[in-house]
PDB file of all heavy atoms in Angstrom:
ATOM      1  N   THR A   1       0.826  -1.209  -0.024  1.00  0.00           N
ATOM      2  CA  THR A   1      -0.036   0.026   0.000  1.00  0.00           C
ATOM      3  C   THR A   1       0.855   1.259   0.023  1.00  0.00           C
ATOM      4  O   THR A   1       0.482   2.266  -0.563  1.00  0.00           O
ATOM      5  CB  THR A   1      -0.938   0.065   1.197  1.00  0.00           C
ATOM      6  OG1 THR A   1      -0.144  -0.102   2.379  1.00  0.00           O
ATOM      7  CG2 THR A   1      -1.973  -1.033   1.126  1.00  0.00           C
ATOM      8  N   VAL A   2       2.081   1.227   0.629  1.00  0.00           N
ATOM      9  CA  VAL A   2       2.892   2.366   0.654  1.00  0.00           C
ATOM     10  C   VAL A   2       3.811   2.349  -0.628  1.00  0.00           C
ATOM     11  O   VAL A   2       4.003   3.338  -1.279  1.00  0.00           O
ATOM     12  CB  VAL A   2       3.811   2.299   1.901  1.00  0.00           C
ATOM     13  CG1 VAL A   2       4.867   3.391   1.805  1.00  0.00           C
ATOM     14  CG2 VAL A   2       2.998   2.445   3.175  1.00  0.00           C
ATOM     15  N   ALA A   3       4.305   1.205  -1.052  1.00  0.00           N
ATOM     16  CA  ALA A   3       5.158   1.032  -2.183  1.00  0.00           C
ATOM     17  C   ALA A   3       4.531   1.514  -3.477  1.00  0.00           C
ATOM     18  O   ALA A   3       5.191   2.055  -4.356  1.00  0.00           O
ATOM     19  CB  ALA A   3       5.706  -0.378  -2.298  1.00  0.00           C
ATOM     20  N   GLN A   4       3.228   1.362  -3.603  1.00  0.00           N
ATOM     21  CA  GLN A   4       2.460   1.698  -4.860  1.00  0.00           C
ATOM     22  C   GLN A   4       1.969   3.136  -4.753  1.00  0.00           C
ATOM     23  O   GLN A   4       1.362   3.545  -5.694  1.00  0.00           O
ATOM     24  CB  GLN A   4       1.296   0.731  -5.030  1.00  0.00           C
ATOM     25  CG  GLN A   4       1.795  -0.680  -5.333  1.00  0.00           C
ATOM     26  CD  GLN A   4       0.667  -1.658  -5.485  1.00  0.00           C
ATOM     27  OE1 GLN A   4      -0.514  -1.296  -5.303  1.00  0.00           O
ATOM     28  NE2 GLN A   4       1.022  -2.895  -5.694  1.00  0.00           N
ATOM     29  N   ALA A   5       2.216   3.858  -3.693  1.00  0.00           N
ATOM     30  CA  ALA A   5       1.806   5.252  -3.633  1.00  0.00           C
ATOM     31  C   ALA A   5       2.429   6.059  -4.759  1.00  0.00           C
ATOM     32  O   ALA A   5       3.555   5.784  -5.226  1.00  0.00           O
ATOM     33  CB  ALA A   5       2.121   5.834  -2.252  1.00  0.00           C
ATOM     34  N   ARG A   6       1.791   7.052  -5.231  1.00  0.00           N
ATOM     35  CA  ARG A   6       2.285   7.873  -6.378  1.00  0.00           C
ATOM     36  C   ARG A   6       3.702   8.421  -6.172  1.00  0.00           C
ATOM     37  O   ARG A   6       4.558   8.438  -7.041  1.00  0.00           O
ATOM     38  CB  ARG A   6       1.314   8.979  -6.653  1.00  0.00           C
ATOM     39  CG  ARG A   6       1.463   9.615  -8.028  1.00  0.00           C
ATOM     40  CD  ARG A   6       0.401  10.619  -8.397  1.00  0.00           C
ATOM     41  NE  ARG A   6       1.070  11.850  -8.397  1.00  0.00           N
ATOM     42  CZ  ARG A   6       0.710  12.965  -7.714  1.00  0.00           C
ATOM     43  NH1 ARG A   6      -0.323  12.903  -6.913  1.00  0.00           N
ATOM     44  NH2 ARG A   6       1.344  14.080  -7.796  1.00  0.00           N
ATOM     45  N   ALA A   7       3.978   8.983  -4.992  1.00  0.00           N
ATOM     46  CA  ALA A   7       5.231   9.616  -4.718  1.00  0.00           C
ATOM     47  C   ALA A   7       5.779   9.159  -3.356  1.00  0.00           C
ATOM     48  O   ALA A   7       5.835   9.890  -2.399  1.00  0.00           O
ATOM     49  CB  ALA A   7       5.070  11.100  -4.749  1.00  0.00           C
ATOM     50  N   THR A   8       6.106   7.840  -3.245  1.00  0.00           N
ATOM     51  CA  THR A   8       6.543   7.374  -1.996  1.00  0.00           C
ATOM     52  C   THR A   8       8.083   7.671  -1.777  1.00  0.00           C
ATOM     53  O   THR A   8       8.847   7.544  -2.713  1.00  0.00           O
ATOM     54  CB  THR A   8       6.346   5.880  -1.799  1.00  0.00           C
ATOM     55  OG1 THR A   8       6.736   5.470  -0.525  1.00  0.00           O
ATOM     56  CG2 THR A   8       7.060   5.006  -2.828  1.00  0.00           C
ATOM     57  N   TYR A   9       8.416   8.082  -0.709  1.00  0.00           N
ATOM     58  CA  TYR A   9       9.812   8.335  -0.274  1.00  0.00           C
ATOM     59  C   TYR A   9      10.377   7.317   0.632  1.00  0.00           C
ATOM     60  O   TYR A   9      11.507   7.384   1.070  1.00  0.00           O
ATOM     61  CB  TYR A   9       9.980   9.733   0.269  1.00  0.00           C
ATOM     62  CG  TYR A   9       9.691  10.781  -0.758  1.00  0.00           C
ATOM     63  CD1 TYR A   9       8.462  11.324  -0.977  1.00  0.00           C
ATOM     64  CD2 TYR A   9      10.744  11.383  -1.495  1.00  0.00           C
ATOM     65  CE1 TYR A   9       8.211  12.291  -1.927  1.00  0.00           C
ATOM     66  CE2 TYR A   9      10.569  12.386  -2.388  1.00  0.00           C
ATOM     67  CZ  TYR A   9       9.262  12.809  -2.629  1.00  0.00           C
ATOM     68  OH  TYR A   9       9.048  13.749  -3.620  1.00  0.00           O
ATOM     69  N   THR A  10       9.564   6.368   1.060  1.00  0.00           N
ATOM     70  CA  THR A  10       9.944   5.313   1.989  1.00  0.00           C
ATOM     71  C   THR A  10      10.665   4.173   1.250  1.00  0.00           C
ATOM     72  O   THR A  10      10.036   3.531   0.399  1.00  0.00           O
ATOM     73  CB  THR A  10       8.774   4.790   2.771  1.00  0.00           C
ATOM     74  OG1 THR A  10       8.018   5.826   3.342  1.00  0.00           O
ATOM     75  CG2 THR A  10       9.192   3.802   3.824  1.00  0.00           C
ATOM     76  N   ARG A  11      11.876   3.886   1.594  1.00  0.00           N
ATOM     77  CA  ARG A  11      12.695   2.927   0.936  1.00  0.00           C
ATOM     78  C   ARG A  11      12.570   1.589   1.657  1.00  0.00           C
ATOM     79  O   ARG A  11      12.594   0.495   1.017  1.00  0.00           O
ATOM     80  CB  ARG A  11      14.175   3.357   0.930  1.00  0.00           C
ATOM     81  CG  ARG A  11      15.060   2.421   0.151  1.00  0.00           C
ATOM     82  CD  ARG A  11      16.414   3.018   0.011  1.00  0.00           C
ATOM     83  NE  ARG A  11      17.164   2.793   1.264  1.00  0.00           N
ATOM     84  CZ  ARG A  11      18.317   3.294   1.462  1.00  0.00           C
ATOM     85  NH1 ARG A  11      18.953   4.013   0.585  1.00  0.00           N
ATOM     86  NH2 ARG A  11      18.905   3.101   2.635  1.00  0.00           N
ATOM     87  N   ALA A  12      12.456   1.593   2.968  1.00  0.00           N
ATOM     88  CA  ALA A  12      12.390   0.410   3.752  1.00  0.00           C
ATOM     89  C   ALA A  12      11.805   0.695   5.079  1.00  0.00           C
ATOM     90  O   ALA A  12      11.700   1.906   5.495  1.00  0.00           O
ATOM     91  CB  ALA A  12      13.762  -0.254   3.887  1.00  0.00           C
ATOM     92  N   LEU A  13      11.516  -0.355   5.870  1.00  0.00           N
ATOM     93  CA  LEU A  13      11.102  -0.212   7.301  1.00  0.00           C
ATOM     94  C   LEU A  13      12.203  -0.830   8.121  1.00  0.00           C
ATOM     95  O   LEU A  13      12.816  -1.831   7.720  1.00  0.00           O
ATOM     96  CB  LEU A  13       9.750  -0.879   7.525  1.00  0.00           C
ATOM     97  CG  LEU A  13       8.599  -0.358   6.716  1.00  0.00           C
ATOM     98  CD1 LEU A  13       7.330  -1.163   7.027  1.00  0.00           C
ATOM     99  CD2 LEU A  13       8.345   1.141   7.087  1.00  0.00           C
ATOM    100  N   MET A  14      12.386  -0.279   9.318  1.00  0.00           N
ATOM    101  CA  MET A  14      13.394  -0.853  10.239  1.00  0.00           C
ATOM    102  C   MET A  14      12.940  -0.790  11.649  1.00  0.00           C
ATOM    103  O   MET A  14      12.178   0.138  12.046  1.00  0.00           O
ATOM    104  CB  MET A  14      14.728  -0.144  10.056  1.00  0.00           C
ATOM    105  CG  MET A  14      14.733   1.270  10.315  1.00  0.00           C
ATOM    106  SD  MET A  14      16.370   1.988   9.977  1.00  0.00           S
ATOM    107  CE  MET A  14      16.906   2.425  11.665  1.00  0.00           C
ATOM    108  N   PRO A  15      13.272  -1.771  12.493  1.00  0.00           N
ATOM    109  CA  PRO A  15      12.918  -1.703  13.876  1.00  0.00           C
ATOM    110  C   PRO A  15      13.843  -0.678  14.606  1.00  0.00           C
ATOM    111  O   PRO A  15      14.992  -0.576  14.315  1.00  0.00           O
ATOM    112  CB  PRO A  15      13.280  -3.131  14.412  1.00  0.00           C
ATOM    113  CG  PRO A  15      14.296  -3.635  13.445  1.00  0.00           C
ATOM    114  CD  PRO A  15      14.023  -2.953  12.118  1.00  0.00           C
ATOM    115  N   LEU A  16      13.197   0.037  15.520  1.00  0.00           N
ATOM    116  CA  LEU A  16      13.844   1.005  16.352  1.00  0.00           C
ATOM    117  C   LEU A  16      13.280   0.998  17.712  1.00  0.00           C
ATOM    118  O   LEU A  16      12.193   1.510  17.992  1.00  0.00           O
ATOM    119  CB  LEU A  16      13.726   2.402  15.763  1.00  0.00           C
ATOM    120  CG  LEU A  16      14.497   3.540  16.486  1.00  0.00           C
ATOM    121  CD1 LEU A  16      16.026   3.242  16.445  1.00  0.00           C
ATOM    122  CD2 LEU A  16      14.239   4.891  15.817  1.00  0.00           C
ATOM    123  N   GLY A  17      13.913   0.198  18.623  1.00  0.00           N
ATOM    124  CA  GLY A  17      13.299   0.028  19.946  1.00  0.00           C
ATOM    125  C   GLY A  17      12.052  -0.839  19.783  1.00  0.00           C
ATOM    126  O   GLY A  17      12.055  -1.904  19.158  1.00  0.00           O
ATOM    127  N   ASP A  18      10.994  -0.293  20.346  1.00  0.00           N
ATOM    128  CA  ASP A  18       9.690  -1.062  20.318  1.00  0.00           C
ATOM    129  C   ASP A  18       8.810  -0.544  19.148  1.00  0.00           C
ATOM    130  O   ASP A  18       7.622  -0.828  19.092  1.00  0.00           O
ATOM    131  CB  ASP A  18       8.908  -0.872  21.636  1.00  0.00           C
ATOM    132  CG  ASP A  18       8.648   0.508  22.052  1.00  0.00           C
ATOM    133  OD1 ASP A  18       9.179   1.446  21.391  1.00  0.00           O
ATOM    134  OD2 ASP A  18       7.843   0.708  22.926  1.00  0.00           O
ATOM    135  N   ARG A  19       9.400   0.233  18.300  1.00  0.00           N
ATOM    136  CA  ARG A  19       8.647   0.810  17.140  1.00  0.00           C
ATOM    137  C   ARG A  19       9.253   0.424  15.814  1.00  0.00           C
ATOM    138  O   ARG A  19      10.378  -0.060  15.737  1.00  0.00           O
ATOM    139  CB  ARG A  19       8.691   2.399  17.192  1.00  0.00           C
ATOM    140  CG  ARG A  19       8.101   2.926  18.504  1.00  0.00           C
ATOM    141  CD  ARG A  19       8.278   4.393  18.549  1.00  0.00           C
ATOM    142  NE  ARG A  19       7.216   4.983  17.775  1.00  0.00           N
ATOM    143  CZ  ARG A  19       7.023   6.298  17.548  1.00  0.00           C
ATOM    144  NH1 ARG A  19       7.893   7.141  18.115  1.00  0.00           N
ATOM    145  NH2 ARG A  19       6.063   6.800  16.834  1.00  0.00           N
ATOM    146  N   THR A  20       8.507   0.582  14.779  1.00  0.00           N
ATOM    147  CA  THR A  20       9.064   0.386  13.346  1.00  0.00           C
ATOM    148  C   THR A  20       9.040   1.786  12.708  1.00  0.00           C
ATOM    149  O   THR A  20       7.987   2.440  12.749  1.00  0.00           O
ATOM    150  CB  THR A  20       8.155  -0.572  12.612  1.00  0.00           C
ATOM    151  OG1 THR A  20       8.234  -1.778  13.309  1.00  0.00           O
ATOM    152  CG2 THR A  20       8.668  -0.774  11.205  1.00  0.00           C
ATOM    153  N   VAL A  21      10.131   2.155  12.111  1.00  0.00           N
ATOM    154  CA  VAL A  21      10.173   3.492  11.427  1.00  0.00           C
ATOM    155  C   VAL A  21      10.544   3.288  10.006  1.00  0.00           C
ATOM    156  O   VAL A  21      11.058   2.271   9.551  1.00  0.00           O
ATOM    157  CB  VAL A  21      11.300   4.368  12.126  1.00  0.00           C
ATOM    158  CG1 VAL A  21      10.911   4.670  13.578  1.00  0.00           C
ATOM    159  CG2 VAL A  21      12.672   3.783  12.025  1.00  0.00           C
ATOM    160  N   GLY A  22      10.175   4.322   9.204  1.00  0.00           N
ATOM    161  CA  GLY A  22      10.481   4.277   7.735  1.00  0.00           C
ATOM    162  C   GLY A  22      11.817   4.846   7.501  1.00  0.00           C
ATOM    163  O   GLY A  22      12.185   5.869   8.101  1.00  0.00           O
ATOM    164  N   LEU A  23      12.490   4.246   6.586  1.00  0.00           N
ATOM    165  CA  LEU A  23      13.762   4.750   6.125  1.00  0.00           C
ATOM    166  C   LEU A  23      13.547   5.490   4.784  1.00  0.00           C
ATOM    167  O   LEU A  23      13.099   4.875   3.831  1.00  0.00           O
ATOM    168  CB  LEU A  23      14.801   3.581   5.892  1.00  0.00           C
ATOM    169  CG  LEU A  23      16.167   3.974   5.347  1.00  0.00           C
ATOM    170  CD1 LEU A  23      16.880   4.830   6.348  1.00  0.00           C
ATOM    171  CD2 LEU A  23      16.965   2.703   5.072  1.00  0.00           C
ATOM    172  N   LEU A  24      13.822   6.756   4.763  1.00  0.00           N
ATOM    173  CA  LEU A  24      13.569   7.574   3.531  1.00  0.00           C
ATOM    174  C   LEU A  24      14.595   7.314   2.444  1.00  0.00           C
ATOM    175  O   LEU A  24      15.757   7.030   2.749  1.00  0.00           O
ATOM    176  CB  LEU A  24      13.546   9.076   3.917  1.00  0.00           C
ATOM    177  CG  LEU A  24      12.406   9.486   4.832  1.00  0.00           C
ATOM    178  CD1 LEU A  24      12.574  11.009   5.087  1.00  0.00           C
ATOM    179  CD2 LEU A  24      11.091   9.209   4.287  1.00  0.00           C
ATOM    180  N   ASP A  25      14.144   7.441   1.261  1.00  0.00           N
ATOM    181  CA  ASP A  25      15.010   7.355   0.066  1.00  0.00           C
ATOM    182  C   ASP A  25      15.710   8.674  -0.057  1.00  0.00           C
ATOM    183  O   ASP A  25      15.066   9.617  -0.637  1.00  0.00           O
ATOM    184  CB  ASP A  25      14.230   6.941  -1.176  1.00  0.00           C
ATOM    185  CG  ASP A  25      15.065   6.746  -2.403  1.00  0.00           C
ATOM    186  OD1 ASP A  25      16.183   7.353  -2.442  1.00  0.00           O
ATOM    187  OD2 ASP A  25      14.695   6.074  -3.298  1.00  0.00           O
ATOM    188  N   GLU A  26      16.890   8.870   0.408  1.00  0.00           N
ATOM    189  CA  GLU A  26      17.556  10.152   0.408  1.00  0.00           C
ATOM    190  C   GLU A  26      17.855  10.683  -0.970  1.00  0.00           C
ATOM    191  O   GLU A  26      17.774  11.874  -1.257  1.00  0.00           O
ATOM    192  CB  GLU A  26      18.856  10.156   1.278  1.00  0.00           C
ATOM    193  CG  GLU A  26      20.054   9.472   0.627  1.00  0.00           C
ATOM    194  CD  GLU A  26      19.986   7.921   0.751  1.00  0.00           C
ATOM    195  OE1 GLU A  26      19.070   7.383   1.342  1.00  0.00           O
ATOM    196  OE2 GLU A  26      20.952   7.275   0.165  1.00  0.00           O
ATOM    197  N   GLN A  27      18.119   9.790  -1.956  1.00  0.00           N
ATOM    198  CA  GLN A  27      18.359  10.227  -3.311  1.00  0.00           C
ATOM    199  C   GLN A  27      17.133  10.906  -3.943  1.00  0.00           C
ATOM    200  O   GLN A  27      17.199  11.921  -4.576  1.00  0.00           O
ATOM    201  CB  GLN A  27      18.919   9.088  -4.129  1.00  0.00           C
ATOM    202  CG  GLN A  27      20.251   8.633  -3.726  1.00  0.00           C
ATOM    203  CD  GLN A  27      20.815   7.566  -4.589  1.00  0.00           C
ATOM    204  OE1 GLN A  27      20.058   6.740  -5.197  1.00  0.00           O
ATOM    205  NE2 GLN A  27      22.120   7.344  -4.571  1.00  0.00           N
ATOM    206  N   LEU A  28      15.956  10.205  -3.767  1.00  0.00           N
ATOM    207  CA  LEU A  28      14.758  10.729  -4.307  1.00  0.00           C
ATOM    208  C   LEU A  28      14.347  12.030  -3.554  1.00  0.00           C
ATOM    209  O   LEU A  28      13.893  13.000  -4.158  1.00  0.00           O
ATOM    210  CB  LEU A  28      13.652   9.655  -4.127  1.00  0.00           C
ATOM    211  CG  LEU A  28      12.234  10.116  -4.623  1.00  0.00           C
ATOM    212  CD1 LEU A  28      12.273  10.564  -6.070  1.00  0.00           C
ATOM    213  CD2 LEU A  28      11.270   9.014  -4.383  1.00  0.00           C
ATOM    214  N   LEU A  29      14.605  12.048  -2.272  1.00  0.00           N
ATOM    215  CA  LEU A  29      14.221  13.235  -1.423  1.00  0.00           C
ATOM    216  C   LEU A  29      15.053  14.484  -1.958  1.00  0.00           C
ATOM    217  O   LEU A  29      14.508  15.514  -2.204  1.00  0.00           O
ATOM    218  CB  LEU A  29      14.513  13.022  -0.016  1.00  0.00           C
ATOM    219  CG  LEU A  29      14.252  14.146   0.886  1.00  0.00           C
ATOM    220  CD1 LEU A  29      12.731  14.597   0.877  1.00  0.00           C
ATOM    221  CD2 LEU A  29      14.653  13.813   2.365  1.00  0.00           C
ATOM    222  N   PHE A  30      16.351  14.255  -2.086  1.00  0.00           N
ATOM    223  CA  PHE A  30      17.153  15.407  -2.566  1.00  0.00           C
ATOM    224  C   PHE A  30      16.975  15.717  -3.988  1.00  0.00           C
ATOM    225  O   PHE A  30      17.129  16.879  -4.407  1.00  0.00           O
ATOM    226  CB  PHE A  30      18.670  15.178  -2.186  1.00  0.00           C
ATOM    227  CG  PHE A  30      18.983  15.488  -0.759  1.00  0.00           C
ATOM    228  CD1 PHE A  30      19.080  14.494   0.140  1.00  0.00           C
ATOM    229  CD2 PHE A  30      19.100  16.787  -0.363  1.00  0.00           C
ATOM    230  CE1 PHE A  30      19.336  14.781   1.493  1.00  0.00           C
ATOM    231  CE2 PHE A  30      19.362  17.084   1.002  1.00  0.00           C
ATOM    232  CZ  PHE A  30      19.509  16.086   1.886  1.00  0.00           C
ATOM    233  N   TYR A  31      16.611  14.730  -4.771  1.00  0.00           N
ATOM    234  CA  TYR A  31      16.295  15.059  -6.191  1.00  0.00           C
ATOM    235  C   TYR A  31      15.036  15.968  -6.242  1.00  0.00           C
ATOM    236  O   TYR A  31      14.998  16.945  -6.995  1.00  0.00           O
ATOM    237  CB  TYR A  31      15.967  13.759  -6.907  1.00  0.00           C
ATOM    238  CG  TYR A  31      15.439  13.978  -8.333  1.00  0.00           C
ATOM    239  CD1 TYR A  31      16.237  14.370  -9.345  1.00  0.00           C
ATOM    240  CD2 TYR A  31      14.079  13.801  -8.541  1.00  0.00           C
ATOM    241  CE1 TYR A  31      15.734  14.575 -10.645  1.00  0.00           C
ATOM    242  CE2 TYR A  31      13.572  13.994  -9.855  1.00  0.00           C
ATOM    243  CZ  TYR A  31      14.403  14.415 -10.909  1.00  0.00           C
ATOM    244  OH  TYR A  31      13.848  14.570 -12.145  1.00  0.00           O
ATOM    245  N   THR A  32      14.032  15.690  -5.351  1.00  0.00           N
ATOM    246  CA  THR A  32      12.801  16.471  -5.313  1.00  0.00           C
ATOM    247  C   THR A  32      13.167  17.883  -4.881  1.00  0.00           C
ATOM    248  O   THR A  32      12.632  18.914  -5.372  1.00  0.00           O
ATOM    249  CB  THR A  32      11.839  15.871  -4.354  1.00  0.00           C
ATOM    250  OG1 THR A  32      11.527  14.548  -4.839  1.00  0.00           O
ATOM    251  CG2 THR A  32      10.496  16.652  -4.242  1.00  0.00           C
ATOM    252  N   VAL A  33      14.004  17.988  -3.800  1.00  0.00           N
ATOM    253  CA  VAL A  33      14.444  19.314  -3.286  1.00  0.00           C
ATOM    254  C   VAL A  33      15.141  20.106  -4.365  1.00  0.00           C
ATOM    255  O   VAL A  33      14.865  21.315  -4.592  1.00  0.00           O
ATOM    256  CB  VAL A  33      15.399  19.146  -2.104  1.00  0.00           C
ATOM    257  CG1 VAL A  33      16.032  20.522  -1.726  1.00  0.00           C
ATOM    258  CG2 VAL A  33      14.607  18.592  -0.918  1.00  0.00           C
TER     259      VAL A  33
END
C-alpha cells in the first residue's frame, strides 16, 4: 500500500526499539528538493 503510492519516499522499514520506522530514500528526497 505504501510502495504503490504515487510519490513514496519510503525505501524500507526498520525496527527502532519497540517501534518500526520508515527509512527515507535520500536520493529521491534530494532530487525533489
